[in-house]
């Protein structure tokens, strides 16, 4: 168990030490919970930190079932098997995507403020969250990242279910966890303090981490 996301990030950073100081490494955190974890990794490795916002596209009549995702950089990915098997009309996909893209843009403005988005093409990207339960959001994030042509995609989380790690190893170049658990019910169970973050918390972490990296 971790005391909080800060401690979890430090422990995870120790498993990513081979990426320390490389100029082509970028830490991308899934907000909100992944940002304090990613901040500790970026500080330890002396590499930049940014957010990567992923919004799942739910099937119109069953929103919990993902038919794809939209993500930072104007990326849209679809699960063609789901779309075809359920015969989801293109206009329905476009309607759902439009709504999620509005929310994605709102979150990007709230998190990043006026800061310029980091270039992803050609970078070794460490995609971070505070935990991975089913892996559906992280898998969507990896698929979206691939469209932006990074050199390498490393999935990293302090704790993840064994099943999700097995699935993610098929789509990512590397999966790094402190704890890979067979019995996994909820991410919060692995933290003593699992306080939810606000948009302001995320923005402050990005600003403070950017200052530390620039001064290093």
N, C-alpha and C. Protein backbone atom coordinates (compact mmCIF):
# COMPACT_ATOMS: atom_id res chain seq x y z
N UNK A 1 0.84 -1.20 0.00
CA UNK A 1 0.00 0.00 0.00
C UNK A 1 0.88 1.25 0.00
N UNK A 2 0.39 2.30 -0.67
CA UNK A 2 1.12 3.56 -0.75
C UNK A 2 0.48 4.59 0.19
N UNK A 3 1.31 5.46 0.75
CA UNK A 3 0.78 6.51 1.61
C UNK A 3 -0.09 7.47 0.80
N UNK A 4 0.41 7.87 -0.37
CA UNK A 4 -0.33 8.78 -1.24
C UNK A 4 0.28 8.69 -2.65
N UNK A 5 -0.21 9.52 -3.56
CA UNK A 5 0.27 9.46 -4.94
C UNK A 5 1.72 9.93 -5.06
N UNK A 6 2.13 10.83 -4.18
CA UNK A 6 3.51 11.31 -4.21
C UNK A 6 4.49 10.18 -3.90
N UNK A 7 4.22 9.44 -2.84
CA UNK A 7 5.08 8.31 -2.51
C UNK A 7 5.04 7.26 -3.62
N UNK A 8 3.85 7.03 -4.15
CA UNK A 8 3.71 6.04 -5.23
C UNK A 8 4.54 6.45 -6.44
N UNK A 9 4.53 7.75 -6.76
CA UNK A 9 5.30 8.24 -7.90
C UNK A 9 6.80 8.06 -7.70
N UNK A 10 7.27 8.29 -6.48
CA UNK A 10 8.70 8.12 -6.19
C UNK A 10 9.12 6.66 -6.33
N UNK A 11 8.28 5.76 -5.85
CA UNK A 11 8.61 4.34 -5.97
C UNK A 11 8.58 3.89 -7.43
N UNK A 12 7.63 4.42 -8.17
CA UNK A 12 7.55 4.07 -9.59
C UNK A 12 8.74 4.64 -10.36
N UNK A 13 9.15 5.85 -10.00
CA UNK A 13 10.29 6.48 -10.67
C UNK A 13 11.55 5.64 -10.55
N UNK A 14 11.71 4.97 -9.41
CA UNK A 14 12.92 4.16 -9.20
C UNK A 14 12.97 2.98 -10.18
N UNK A 15 11.81 2.57 -10.69
CA UNK A 15 11.77 1.48 -11.65
C UNK A 15 11.94 1.97 -13.09
N UNK A 16 12.01 3.29 -13.24
CA UNK A 16 12.15 3.88 -14.58
C UNK A 16 13.49 4.61 -14.72
N UNK A 17 14.44 4.30 -13.85
CA UNK A 17 15.70 5.05 -13.80
C UNK A 17 16.51 4.98 -15.09
N UNK A 18 16.28 3.96 -15.91
CA UNK A 18 17.03 3.85 -17.17
C UNK A 18 16.69 4.97 -18.14
N UNK A 19 15.58 5.69 -17.88
CA UNK A 19 15.17 6.80 -18.76
C UNK A 19 15.64 8.15 -18.23
N UNK A 20 16.43 8.16 -17.17
CA UNK A 20 16.83 9.41 -16.52
C UNK A 20 17.69 10.29 -17.43
N UNK A 21 17.27 11.54 -17.57
CA UNK A 21 18.08 12.54 -18.24
C UNK A 21 18.13 12.49 -19.75
N UNK A 22 17.45 11.54 -20.36
CA UNK A 22 17.48 11.45 -21.82
C UNK A 22 16.67 12.60 -22.43
N UNK A 23 17.21 13.28 -23.44
CA UNK A 23 16.52 14.45 -24.00
C UNK A 23 15.26 14.13 -24.78
N UNK A 24 15.08 12.86 -25.16
CA UNK A 24 13.92 12.50 -25.97
C UNK A 24 12.85 11.78 -25.16
N UNK A 25 12.91 11.89 -23.82
CA UNK A 25 11.91 11.26 -22.96
C UNK A 25 10.89 12.30 -22.50
N UNK A 26 9.63 11.91 -22.51
CA UNK A 26 8.54 12.79 -22.09
C UNK A 26 7.58 12.00 -21.22
N UNK A 27 7.25 12.54 -20.05
CA UNK A 27 6.24 11.93 -19.18
C UNK A 27 4.89 12.56 -19.49
N UNK A 28 3.92 11.73 -19.83
CA UNK A 28 2.55 12.18 -20.06
C UNK A 28 1.66 11.54 -19.01
N UNK A 29 0.96 12.37 -18.25
CA UNK A 29 0.11 11.87 -17.17
C UNK A 29 -1.35 11.95 -17.56
N UNK A 30 -2.10 10.90 -17.22
CA UNK A 30 -3.55 10.92 -17.42
C UNK A 30 -4.17 11.66 -16.23
N UNK A 31 -4.83 12.78 -16.49
CA UNK A 31 -5.42 13.54 -15.38
C UNK A 31 -6.74 12.90 -14.93
N UNK A 32 -7.09 13.14 -13.67
CA UNK A 32 -6.33 13.99 -12.77
C UNK A 32 -5.33 13.18 -11.95
N UNK A 33 -5.71 11.96 -11.56
CA UNK A 33 -4.92 11.19 -10.60
C UNK A 33 -3.52 10.85 -11.03
N UNK A 34 -3.29 10.76 -12.33
CA UNK A 34 -1.96 10.41 -12.80
C UNK A 34 -0.95 11.54 -12.71
N UNK A 35 -1.43 12.78 -12.52
CA UNK A 35 -0.52 13.92 -12.58
C UNK A 35 0.45 13.98 -11.40
N UNK A 36 0.01 13.83 -10.14
CA UNK A 36 1.01 13.83 -9.05
C UNK A 36 1.99 12.67 -9.15
N UNK A 37 1.56 11.54 -9.67
CA UNK A 37 2.47 10.42 -9.88
C UNK A 37 3.48 10.78 -10.97
N UNK A 38 2.97 11.32 -12.07
CA UNK A 38 3.84 11.72 -13.17
C UNK A 38 4.81 12.82 -12.79
N UNK A 39 4.36 13.73 -11.91
CA UNK A 39 5.23 14.83 -11.47
C UNK A 39 6.46 14.29 -10.75
N UNK A 40 6.27 13.29 -9.90
CA UNK A 40 7.41 12.71 -9.19
C UNK A 40 8.36 11.99 -10.15
N UNK A 41 7.80 11.34 -11.15
CA UNK A 41 8.64 10.65 -12.14
C UNK A 41 9.45 11.67 -12.94
N UNK A 42 8.78 12.74 -13.39
CA UNK A 42 9.47 13.77 -14.18
C UNK A 42 10.60 14.41 -13.37
N UNK A 43 10.34 14.69 -12.10
CA UNK A 43 11.38 15.29 -11.25
C UNK A 43 12.57 14.34 -11.08
N UNK A 44 12.27 13.07 -10.83
CA UNK A 44 13.34 12.10 -10.58
C UNK A 44 14.17 11.84 -11.84
N UNK A 45 13.52 11.84 -12.99
CA UNK A 45 14.22 11.53 -14.24
C UNK A 45 14.76 12.78 -14.94
N UNK A 46 14.38 13.97 -14.43
CA UNK A 46 14.80 15.24 -15.04
C UNK A 46 14.34 15.34 -16.50
N UNK A 47 13.06 15.04 -16.70
CA UNK A 47 12.46 15.11 -18.03
C UNK A 47 11.15 15.89 -17.93
N UNK A 48 10.63 16.38 -19.07
CA UNK A 48 9.41 17.19 -19.03
C UNK A 48 8.16 16.38 -18.68
N UNK A 49 7.17 17.10 -18.16
CA UNK A 49 5.87 16.54 -17.81
C UNK A 49 4.78 17.28 -18.56
N UNK A 50 3.82 16.54 -19.06
CA UNK A 50 2.63 17.15 -19.67
C UNK A 50 1.44 16.23 -19.37
N UNK A 51 0.25 16.72 -19.66
CA UNK A 51 -0.94 15.89 -19.51
C UNK A 51 -1.32 15.31 -20.86
N UNK A 52 -1.95 14.15 -20.82
CA UNK A 52 -2.52 13.54 -22.02
C UNK A 52 -3.95 13.18 -21.67
N UNK A 53 -4.87 13.97 -22.21
CA UNK A 53 -6.29 13.81 -21.86
C UNK A 53 -6.93 12.80 -22.81
N UNK A 54 -7.57 11.81 -22.24
CA UNK A 54 -8.27 10.78 -23.01
C UNK A 54 -9.73 10.77 -22.59
N UNK A 55 -10.62 10.83 -23.55
CA UNK A 55 -12.06 10.74 -23.28
C UNK A 55 -12.62 9.55 -24.07
N UNK A 56 -13.14 8.59 -23.35
CA UNK A 56 -13.71 7.42 -24.02
C UNK A 56 -15.01 7.80 -24.74
N UNK A 57 -15.23 7.17 -25.87
CA UNK A 57 -16.47 7.35 -26.62
C UNK A 57 -17.38 6.17 -26.30
N UNK A 58 -18.46 6.45 -25.58
CA UNK A 58 -19.38 5.38 -25.21
C UNK A 58 -20.39 5.09 -26.30
N UNK A 59 -20.77 3.84 -26.43
CA UNK A 59 -21.84 3.46 -27.36
C UNK A 59 -23.09 4.26 -26.96
N UNK A 60 -23.78 4.89 -27.92
CA UNK A 60 -24.89 5.79 -27.59
C UNK A 60 -25.93 5.21 -26.63
N UNK A 61 -26.29 3.94 -26.80
CA UNK A 61 -27.31 3.33 -25.95
C UNK A 61 -26.72 2.53 -24.79
N UNK A 62 -25.39 2.55 -24.68
CA UNK A 62 -24.70 1.87 -23.57
C UNK A 62 -23.38 2.59 -23.31
N UNK A 63 -23.43 3.78 -22.69
CA UNK A 63 -22.25 4.63 -22.55
C UNK A 63 -21.07 3.98 -21.83
N UNK A 64 -21.32 2.97 -21.00
CA UNK A 64 -20.22 2.31 -20.30
C UNK A 64 -19.37 1.46 -21.24
N UNK A 65 -19.93 1.09 -22.38
CA UNK A 65 -19.20 0.29 -23.36
C UNK A 65 -18.49 1.23 -24.33
N UNK A 66 -17.16 1.17 -24.35
CA UNK A 66 -16.38 2.09 -25.18
C UNK A 66 -16.33 1.61 -26.63
N UNK A 67 -16.60 2.54 -27.54
CA UNK A 67 -16.47 2.24 -28.97
C UNK A 67 -15.25 2.95 -29.56
N UNK A 68 -14.51 3.67 -28.71
CA UNK A 68 -13.33 4.39 -29.16
C UNK A 68 -12.95 5.45 -28.15
N UNK A 69 -12.16 6.40 -28.60
CA UNK A 69 -11.71 7.47 -27.71
C UNK A 69 -11.25 8.67 -28.53
N UNK A 70 -11.28 9.83 -27.88
CA UNK A 70 -10.63 11.03 -28.42
C UNK A 70 -9.56 11.42 -27.41
N UNK A 71 -8.51 12.08 -27.89
CA UNK A 71 -7.40 12.38 -27.00
C UNK A 71 -6.68 13.64 -27.43
N UNK A 72 -5.79 14.09 -26.56
CA UNK A 72 -4.93 15.25 -26.82
C UNK A 72 -4.32 15.17 -28.22
N UNK A 73 -4.29 16.32 -28.90
CA UNK A 73 -3.69 16.37 -30.23
C UNK A 73 -4.69 16.16 -31.34
N UNK A 74 -5.99 16.17 -31.01
CA UNK A 74 -7.02 15.99 -32.02
C UNK A 74 -7.14 14.57 -32.54
N UNK A 75 -6.70 13.61 -31.72
CA UNK A 75 -6.70 12.21 -32.14
C UNK A 75 -8.05 11.57 -31.84
N UNK A 76 -8.53 10.76 -32.80
CA UNK A 76 -9.73 9.96 -32.58
C UNK A 76 -9.43 8.53 -33.01
N UNK A 77 -9.72 7.58 -32.13
CA UNK A 77 -9.54 6.17 -32.47
C UNK A 77 -10.87 5.45 -32.25
N UNK A 78 -11.16 4.48 -33.11
CA UNK A 78 -12.39 3.71 -33.00
C UNK A 78 -12.08 2.23 -32.89
N UNK A 79 -12.88 1.53 -32.11
CA UNK A 79 -12.82 0.08 -32.03
C UNK A 79 -13.73 -0.44 -33.14
N UNK A 80 -13.13 -0.76 -34.27
CA UNK A 80 -13.93 -1.13 -35.45
C UNK A 80 -14.75 -2.38 -35.20
N UNK A 81 -14.25 -3.29 -34.36
CA UNK A 81 -15.02 -4.50 -34.07
C UNK A 81 -16.33 -4.15 -33.38
N UNK A 82 -16.26 -3.24 -32.39
CA UNK A 82 -17.48 -2.82 -31.68
C UNK A 82 -18.41 -2.07 -32.63
N UNK A 83 -17.84 -1.14 -33.38
CA UNK A 83 -18.65 -0.31 -34.29
C UNK A 83 -19.39 -1.18 -35.30
N UNK A 84 -18.68 -2.15 -35.88
CA UNK A 84 -19.30 -2.98 -36.91
C UNK A 84 -20.28 -3.99 -36.33
N UNK A 85 -19.91 -4.60 -35.21
CA UNK A 85 -20.79 -5.63 -34.64
C UNK A 85 -22.11 -5.04 -34.14
N UNK A 86 -22.07 -3.77 -33.69
CA UNK A 86 -23.29 -3.12 -33.20
C UNK A 86 -23.93 -2.22 -34.25
N UNK A 87 -23.31 -2.18 -35.44
CA UNK A 87 -23.84 -1.37 -36.55
C UNK A 87 -24.14 0.07 -36.12
N UNK A 88 -23.15 0.70 -35.50
CA UNK A 88 -23.32 2.07 -35.01
C UNK A 88 -23.17 3.03 -36.19
N UNK A 89 -24.19 3.83 -36.47
CA UNK A 89 -24.15 4.74 -37.62
C UNK A 89 -23.07 5.82 -37.45
N UNK A 90 -22.44 6.23 -38.54
CA UNK A 90 -21.40 7.27 -38.47
C UNK A 90 -21.88 8.56 -37.82
N UNK A 91 -23.14 8.92 -38.07
CA UNK A 91 -23.65 10.17 -37.50
C UNK A 91 -23.77 10.08 -35.97
N UNK A 92 -24.04 8.88 -35.45
CA UNK A 92 -24.10 8.70 -34.00
C UNK A 92 -22.70 8.79 -33.39
N UNK A 93 -21.72 8.21 -34.09
CA UNK A 93 -20.33 8.30 -33.62
C UNK A 93 -19.89 9.76 -33.59
N UNK A 94 -20.21 10.49 -34.66
CA UNK A 94 -19.82 11.90 -34.75
C UNK A 94 -20.46 12.73 -33.63
N UNK A 95 -21.70 12.42 -33.29
CA UNK A 95 -22.41 13.16 -32.24
C UNK A 95 -21.75 12.93 -30.88
N UNK A 96 -21.44 11.68 -30.57
CA UNK A 96 -20.79 11.36 -29.29
C UNK A 96 -19.40 11.99 -29.25
N UNK A 97 -18.66 11.87 -30.36
CA UNK A 97 -17.30 12.41 -30.41
C UNK A 97 -17.29 13.92 -30.23
N UNK A 98 -18.25 14.61 -30.84
CA UNK A 98 -18.30 16.07 -30.73
C UNK A 98 -18.47 16.50 -29.28
N UNK A 99 -19.34 15.81 -28.55
CA UNK A 99 -19.55 16.14 -27.15
C UNK A 99 -18.31 15.91 -26.31
N UNK A 100 -17.63 14.79 -26.55
CA UNK A 100 -16.43 14.48 -25.77
C UNK A 100 -15.27 15.39 -26.14
N UNK A 101 -15.20 15.82 -27.40
CA UNK A 101 -14.13 16.73 -27.81
C UNK A 101 -14.27 18.09 -27.15
N UNK A 102 -15.51 18.53 -26.94
CA UNK A 102 -15.74 19.80 -26.23
C UNK A 102 -15.22 19.69 -24.80
N UNK A 103 -15.53 18.57 -24.13
CA UNK A 103 -15.06 18.38 -22.76
C UNK A 103 -13.54 18.22 -22.71
N UNK A 104 -12.98 17.55 -23.70
CA UNK A 104 -11.53 17.39 -23.76
C UNK A 104 -10.84 18.75 -23.88
N UNK A 105 -11.36 19.60 -24.76
CA UNK A 105 -10.76 20.93 -24.94
C UNK A 105 -10.89 21.76 -23.67
N UNK A 106 -12.03 21.64 -22.98
CA UNK A 106 -12.21 22.37 -21.72
C UNK A 106 -11.17 21.94 -20.70
N UNK A 107 -10.97 20.64 -20.60
CA UNK A 107 -10.01 20.12 -19.62
C UNK A 107 -8.58 20.53 -19.98
N UNK A 108 -8.26 20.49 -21.27
CA UNK A 108 -6.91 20.89 -21.68
C UNK A 108 -6.65 22.35 -21.31
N UNK A 109 -7.62 23.21 -21.55
CA UNK A 109 -7.45 24.63 -21.19
C UNK A 109 -7.29 24.78 -19.68
N UNK A 110 -8.10 24.04 -18.93
CA UNK A 110 -8.05 24.14 -17.47
C UNK A 110 -6.71 23.62 -16.93
N UNK A 111 -6.21 22.53 -17.48
CA UNK A 111 -4.99 21.92 -16.97
C UNK A 111 -3.74 22.66 -17.43
N UNK A 112 -3.68 22.95 -18.73
CA UNK A 112 -2.44 23.45 -19.31
C UNK A 112 -2.34 24.96 -19.25
N UNK A 113 -3.47 25.66 -19.15
CA UNK A 113 -3.43 27.11 -19.16
C UNK A 113 -2.88 27.59 -20.50
N UNK A 114 -1.91 28.48 -20.46
CA UNK A 114 -1.33 28.99 -21.71
C UNK A 114 -0.10 28.25 -22.16
N UNK A 115 0.27 27.17 -21.48
CA UNK A 115 1.49 26.45 -21.84
C UNK A 115 1.31 25.69 -23.16
N UNK A 116 2.38 25.67 -23.93
CA UNK A 116 2.36 24.99 -25.22
C UNK A 116 2.46 23.48 -25.01
N UNK A 117 1.70 22.73 -25.78
CA UNK A 117 1.74 21.27 -25.70
C UNK A 117 3.08 20.75 -26.20
N UNK A 118 3.63 19.75 -25.53
CA UNK A 118 4.89 19.16 -25.95
C UNK A 118 4.72 18.33 -27.21
N UNK A 119 5.74 18.32 -28.05
CA UNK A 119 5.75 17.47 -29.24
C UNK A 119 5.93 16.01 -28.83
N UNK A 120 5.15 15.13 -29.43
CA UNK A 120 5.19 13.71 -29.08
C UNK A 120 5.95 12.89 -30.12
N UNK A 121 5.87 13.29 -31.37
CA UNK A 121 6.51 12.53 -32.45
C UNK A 121 8.00 12.33 -32.17
N UNK A 122 8.44 11.07 -32.26
CA UNK A 122 9.85 10.75 -32.08
C UNK A 122 10.30 10.64 -30.64
N UNK A 123 9.41 10.88 -29.68
CA UNK A 123 9.78 10.84 -28.27
C UNK A 123 9.54 9.45 -27.66
N UNK A 124 10.32 9.16 -26.62
CA UNK A 124 10.03 8.00 -25.77
C UNK A 124 9.05 8.49 -24.71
N UNK A 125 7.82 8.04 -24.79
CA UNK A 125 6.76 8.56 -23.93
C UNK A 125 6.46 7.58 -22.80
N UNK A 126 6.46 8.11 -21.58
CA UNK A 126 6.04 7.33 -20.40
C UNK A 126 4.64 7.80 -20.05
N UNK A 127 3.65 6.95 -20.29
CA UNK A 127 2.25 7.29 -20.06
C UNK A 127 1.85 6.78 -18.68
N UNK A 128 1.45 7.72 -17.81
CA UNK A 128 1.33 7.42 -16.38
C UNK A 128 -0.10 7.61 -15.87
N UNK A 129 -0.53 6.70 -14.99
CA UNK A 129 -1.76 6.89 -14.23
C UNK A 129 -1.49 6.45 -12.79
N UNK A 130 -2.43 6.75 -11.88
CA UNK A 130 -2.22 6.39 -10.48
C UNK A 130 -2.57 4.94 -10.19
N UNK A 131 -3.14 4.26 -11.16
CA UNK A 131 -3.47 2.85 -11.03
C UNK A 131 -4.21 2.40 -12.27
N UNK A 132 -4.20 1.10 -12.52
CA UNK A 132 -4.87 0.55 -13.70
C UNK A 132 -5.72 -0.62 -13.26
N UNK A 133 -7.03 -0.47 -13.39
CA UNK A 133 -7.96 -1.53 -13.00
C UNK A 133 -8.28 -2.41 -14.20
N UNK A 134 -9.19 -1.95 -15.06
CA UNK A 134 -9.53 -2.74 -16.26
C UNK A 134 -8.55 -2.50 -17.40
N UNK A 135 -7.93 -1.32 -17.41
CA UNK A 135 -6.99 -0.98 -18.47
C UNK A 135 -7.62 -0.35 -19.69
N UNK A 136 -8.93 -0.14 -19.68
CA UNK A 136 -9.60 0.37 -20.88
C UNK A 136 -9.18 1.80 -21.23
N UNK A 137 -9.07 2.67 -20.21
CA UNK A 137 -8.65 4.04 -20.49
C UNK A 137 -7.20 4.09 -20.94
N UNK A 138 -6.34 3.33 -20.28
CA UNK A 138 -4.93 3.30 -20.67
C UNK A 138 -4.76 2.73 -22.08
N UNK A 139 -5.52 1.70 -22.39
CA UNK A 139 -5.43 1.12 -23.74
C UNK A 139 -5.84 2.15 -24.79
N UNK A 140 -6.89 2.90 -24.50
CA UNK A 140 -7.32 3.96 -25.42
C UNK A 140 -6.23 5.01 -25.55
N UNK A 141 -5.57 5.33 -24.43
CA UNK A 141 -4.49 6.30 -24.46
C UNK A 141 -3.32 5.84 -25.31
N UNK A 142 -2.96 4.57 -25.20
CA UNK A 142 -1.87 4.03 -26.01
C UNK A 142 -2.24 4.08 -27.50
N UNK A 143 -3.46 3.69 -27.82
CA UNK A 143 -3.90 3.71 -29.22
C UNK A 143 -3.86 5.13 -29.78
N UNK A 144 -4.29 6.10 -28.97
CA UNK A 144 -4.27 7.49 -29.41
C UNK A 144 -2.84 7.99 -29.57
N UNK A 145 -1.98 7.63 -28.63
CA UNK A 145 -0.57 8.04 -28.71
C UNK A 145 0.10 7.52 -29.98
N UNK A 146 -0.19 6.29 -30.34
CA UNK A 146 0.43 5.70 -31.53
C UNK A 146 0.19 6.56 -32.77
N UNK A 147 -0.96 7.21 -32.83
CA UNK A 147 -1.27 8.04 -34.00
C UNK A 147 -0.39 9.29 -34.06
N UNK A 148 0.22 9.64 -32.93
CA UNK A 148 1.09 10.82 -32.87
C UNK A 148 2.56 10.45 -33.07
N UNK A 149 2.82 9.19 -33.37
CA UNK A 149 4.12 8.67 -33.80
C UNK A 149 5.27 8.85 -32.79
N UNK A 150 5.06 8.43 -31.54
CA UNK A 150 6.20 8.41 -30.61
C UNK A 150 7.15 7.30 -30.99
N UNK A 151 8.40 7.40 -30.53
CA UNK A 151 9.38 6.35 -30.80
C UNK A 151 9.11 5.12 -29.94
N UNK A 152 8.57 5.35 -28.74
CA UNK A 152 8.35 4.25 -27.79
C UNK A 152 7.24 4.67 -26.83
N UNK A 153 6.40 3.72 -26.45
CA UNK A 153 5.34 3.98 -25.48
C UNK A 153 5.53 3.05 -24.28
N UNK A 154 5.77 3.67 -23.13
CA UNK A 154 5.93 2.93 -21.87
C UNK A 154 4.72 3.24 -20.99
N UNK A 155 3.98 2.23 -20.62
CA UNK A 155 2.86 2.39 -19.69
C UNK A 155 3.39 2.21 -18.28
N UNK A 156 3.06 3.15 -17.39
CA UNK A 156 3.59 3.09 -16.02
C UNK A 156 2.50 3.44 -15.01
N UNK A 157 2.43 2.66 -13.94
CA UNK A 157 1.48 2.92 -12.86
C UNK A 157 2.01 2.28 -11.58
N UNK A 158 1.74 2.89 -10.43
CA UNK A 158 2.19 2.29 -9.18
C UNK A 158 1.59 0.91 -8.94
N UNK A 159 0.31 0.75 -9.31
CA UNK A 159 -0.37 -0.52 -9.08
C UNK A 159 -1.30 -0.80 -10.26
N UNK A 160 -1.39 -2.07 -10.62
CA UNK A 160 -2.27 -2.47 -11.72
C UNK A 160 -2.68 -3.91 -11.52
N UNK A 161 -3.81 -4.25 -12.09
CA UNK A 161 -4.24 -5.65 -12.05
C UNK A 161 -3.39 -6.46 -13.02
N UNK A 162 -3.19 -7.71 -12.68
CA UNK A 162 -2.40 -8.59 -13.55
C UNK A 162 -3.05 -8.71 -14.93
N UNK A 163 -4.38 -8.79 -14.95
CA UNK A 163 -5.09 -8.93 -16.22
C UNK A 163 -4.87 -7.72 -17.12
N UNK A 164 -4.92 -6.52 -16.54
CA UNK A 164 -4.73 -5.32 -17.36
C UNK A 164 -3.30 -5.22 -17.87
N UNK A 165 -2.33 -5.61 -17.05
CA UNK A 165 -0.93 -5.60 -17.49
C UNK A 165 -0.71 -6.55 -18.66
N UNK A 166 -1.31 -7.73 -18.56
CA UNK A 166 -1.19 -8.70 -19.64
C UNK A 166 -1.75 -8.13 -20.94
N UNK A 167 -2.90 -7.48 -20.85
CA UNK A 167 -3.52 -6.88 -22.03
C UNK A 167 -2.68 -5.73 -22.58
N UNK A 168 -2.17 -4.87 -21.70
CA UNK A 168 -1.43 -3.69 -22.14
C UNK A 168 -0.06 -4.04 -22.73
N UNK A 169 0.51 -5.16 -22.31
CA UNK A 169 1.80 -5.57 -22.88
C UNK A 169 1.67 -5.93 -24.36
N UNK A 170 0.46 -6.16 -24.81
CA UNK A 170 0.24 -6.45 -26.24
C UNK A 170 0.23 -5.18 -27.08
N UNK A 171 -0.02 -4.03 -26.45
CA UNK A 171 -0.16 -2.79 -27.23
C UNK A 171 0.92 -1.76 -26.92
N UNK A 172 1.55 -1.85 -25.74
CA UNK A 172 2.63 -0.92 -25.38
C UNK A 172 3.98 -1.60 -25.58
N UNK A 173 5.03 -0.80 -25.67
CA UNK A 173 6.38 -1.36 -25.80
C UNK A 173 6.89 -1.90 -24.48
N UNK A 174 6.38 -1.34 -23.37
CA UNK A 174 6.83 -1.75 -22.04
C UNK A 174 5.75 -1.37 -21.03
N UNK A 175 5.57 -2.20 -20.02
CA UNK A 175 4.64 -1.90 -18.93
C UNK A 175 5.42 -2.01 -17.63
N UNK A 176 5.40 -0.92 -16.84
CA UNK A 176 6.17 -0.87 -15.59
C UNK A 176 5.22 -0.57 -14.43
N UNK A 177 5.22 -1.45 -13.43
CA UNK A 177 4.39 -1.26 -12.24
C UNK A 177 5.22 -1.59 -11.00
N UNK A 178 4.87 -0.97 -9.88
CA UNK A 178 5.47 -1.33 -8.60
C UNK A 178 4.79 -2.59 -8.08
N UNK A 179 3.46 -2.62 -8.19
CA UNK A 179 2.67 -3.77 -7.74
C UNK A 179 1.78 -4.23 -8.89
N UNK A 180 1.88 -5.50 -9.23
CA UNK A 180 0.99 -6.12 -10.21
C UNK A 180 0.17 -7.17 -9.46
N UNK A 181 -1.09 -6.85 -9.21
CA UNK A 181 -1.91 -7.63 -8.29
C UNK A 181 -2.85 -8.59 -9.00
N UNK A 182 -2.89 -9.82 -8.50
CA UNK A 182 -3.85 -10.80 -9.01
C UNK A 182 -5.26 -10.45 -8.55
N UNK A 183 -5.38 -10.10 -7.26
CA UNK A 183 -6.68 -9.72 -6.70
C UNK A 183 -6.77 -8.20 -6.68
N UNK A 184 -7.64 -7.66 -7.50
CA UNK A 184 -7.70 -6.22 -7.67
C UNK A 184 -9.16 -5.80 -7.73
N UNK A 185 -9.55 -4.90 -6.82
CA UNK A 185 -10.95 -4.46 -6.78
C UNK A 185 -11.09 -2.98 -7.12
N UNK A 186 -10.27 -2.13 -6.52
CA UNK A 186 -10.35 -0.70 -6.78
C UNK A 186 -8.99 -0.06 -6.53
N UNK A 187 -8.66 0.94 -7.32
CA UNK A 187 -7.35 1.60 -7.19
C UNK A 187 -7.19 2.22 -5.80
N UNK A 188 -8.25 2.84 -5.29
CA UNK A 188 -8.18 3.53 -4.01
C UNK A 188 -7.81 2.64 -2.85
N UNK A 189 -8.04 1.34 -2.97
CA UNK A 189 -7.71 0.42 -1.88
C UNK A 189 -6.20 0.30 -1.66
N UNK A 190 -5.42 0.75 -2.63
CA UNK A 190 -3.96 0.63 -2.53
C UNK A 190 -3.32 1.90 -1.99
N UNK A 191 -4.14 2.87 -1.61
CA UNK A 191 -3.64 4.15 -1.09
C UNK A 191 -4.26 4.45 0.27
N UNK A 192 -3.42 4.92 1.21
CA UNK A 192 -3.96 5.42 2.48
C UNK A 192 -4.70 6.73 2.25
N UNK A 193 -4.12 7.59 1.40
CA UNK A 193 -4.74 8.87 1.06
C UNK A 193 -4.99 8.87 -0.44
N UNK A 194 -6.27 8.81 -0.82
CA UNK A 194 -6.64 8.80 -2.24
C UNK A 194 -7.56 9.98 -2.54
N UNK A 195 -7.21 11.14 -1.98
CA UNK A 195 -7.99 12.36 -2.16
C UNK A 195 -8.08 12.72 -3.64
N UNK A 196 -9.29 13.07 -4.08
CA UNK A 196 -9.48 13.45 -5.48
C UNK A 196 -8.92 14.84 -5.74
N UNK A 197 -8.32 15.03 -6.90
CA UNK A 197 -7.70 16.31 -7.24
C UNK A 197 -8.67 17.20 -8.00
N UNK A 198 -8.42 18.50 -7.93
CA UNK A 198 -9.20 19.47 -8.69
C UNK A 198 -8.42 19.89 -9.94
N UNK A 199 -9.07 20.61 -10.84
CA UNK A 199 -8.38 21.14 -12.01
C UNK A 199 -7.23 22.06 -11.59
N UNK A 200 -7.45 22.86 -10.55
CA UNK A 200 -6.40 23.76 -10.06
C UNK A 200 -5.19 22.97 -9.54
N UNK A 201 -5.45 21.85 -8.87
CA UNK A 201 -4.36 21.01 -8.39
C UNK A 201 -3.48 20.55 -9.55
N UNK A 202 -4.13 20.13 -10.62
CA UNK A 202 -3.40 19.65 -11.80
C UNK A 202 -2.57 20.77 -12.40
N UNK A 203 -3.17 21.94 -12.55
CA UNK A 203 -2.46 23.07 -13.15
C UNK A 203 -1.25 23.46 -12.29
N UNK A 204 -1.42 23.48 -10.98
CA UNK A 204 -0.32 23.83 -10.09
C UNK A 204 0.82 22.82 -10.17
N UNK A 205 0.49 21.55 -10.25
CA UNK A 205 1.52 20.52 -10.37
C UNK A 205 2.31 20.68 -11.67
N UNK A 206 1.61 20.97 -12.75
CA UNK A 206 2.29 21.16 -14.04
C UNK A 206 3.22 22.37 -13.99
N UNK A 207 2.74 23.45 -13.39
CA UNK A 207 3.56 24.66 -13.28
C UNK A 207 4.78 24.43 -12.41
N UNK A 208 4.57 23.83 -11.25
CA UNK A 208 5.67 23.61 -10.31
C UNK A 208 6.70 22.64 -10.85
N UNK A 209 6.24 21.59 -11.51
CA UNK A 209 7.17 20.60 -12.06
C UNK A 209 7.96 21.19 -13.21
N UNK A 210 7.31 22.01 -14.03
CA UNK A 210 8.00 22.67 -15.14
C UNK A 210 9.14 23.54 -14.62
N UNK A 211 8.89 24.24 -13.51
CA UNK A 211 9.92 25.09 -12.93
C UNK A 211 11.10 24.30 -12.41
N UNK A 212 10.82 23.16 -11.79
CA UNK A 212 11.90 22.32 -11.25
C UNK A 212 12.76 21.77 -12.37
N UNK A 213 12.12 21.30 -13.46
CA UNK A 213 12.87 20.72 -14.58
C UNK A 213 13.72 21.79 -15.26
N UNK A 214 13.13 22.99 -15.43
CA UNK A 214 13.85 24.06 -16.10
C UNK A 214 15.09 24.49 -15.32
N UNK A 215 14.99 24.41 -13.98
CA UNK A 215 16.09 24.85 -13.13
C UNK A 215 17.16 23.77 -12.95
N UNK A 216 16.82 22.54 -13.33
CA UNK A 216 17.75 21.43 -13.10
C UNK A 216 18.96 21.51 -14.02
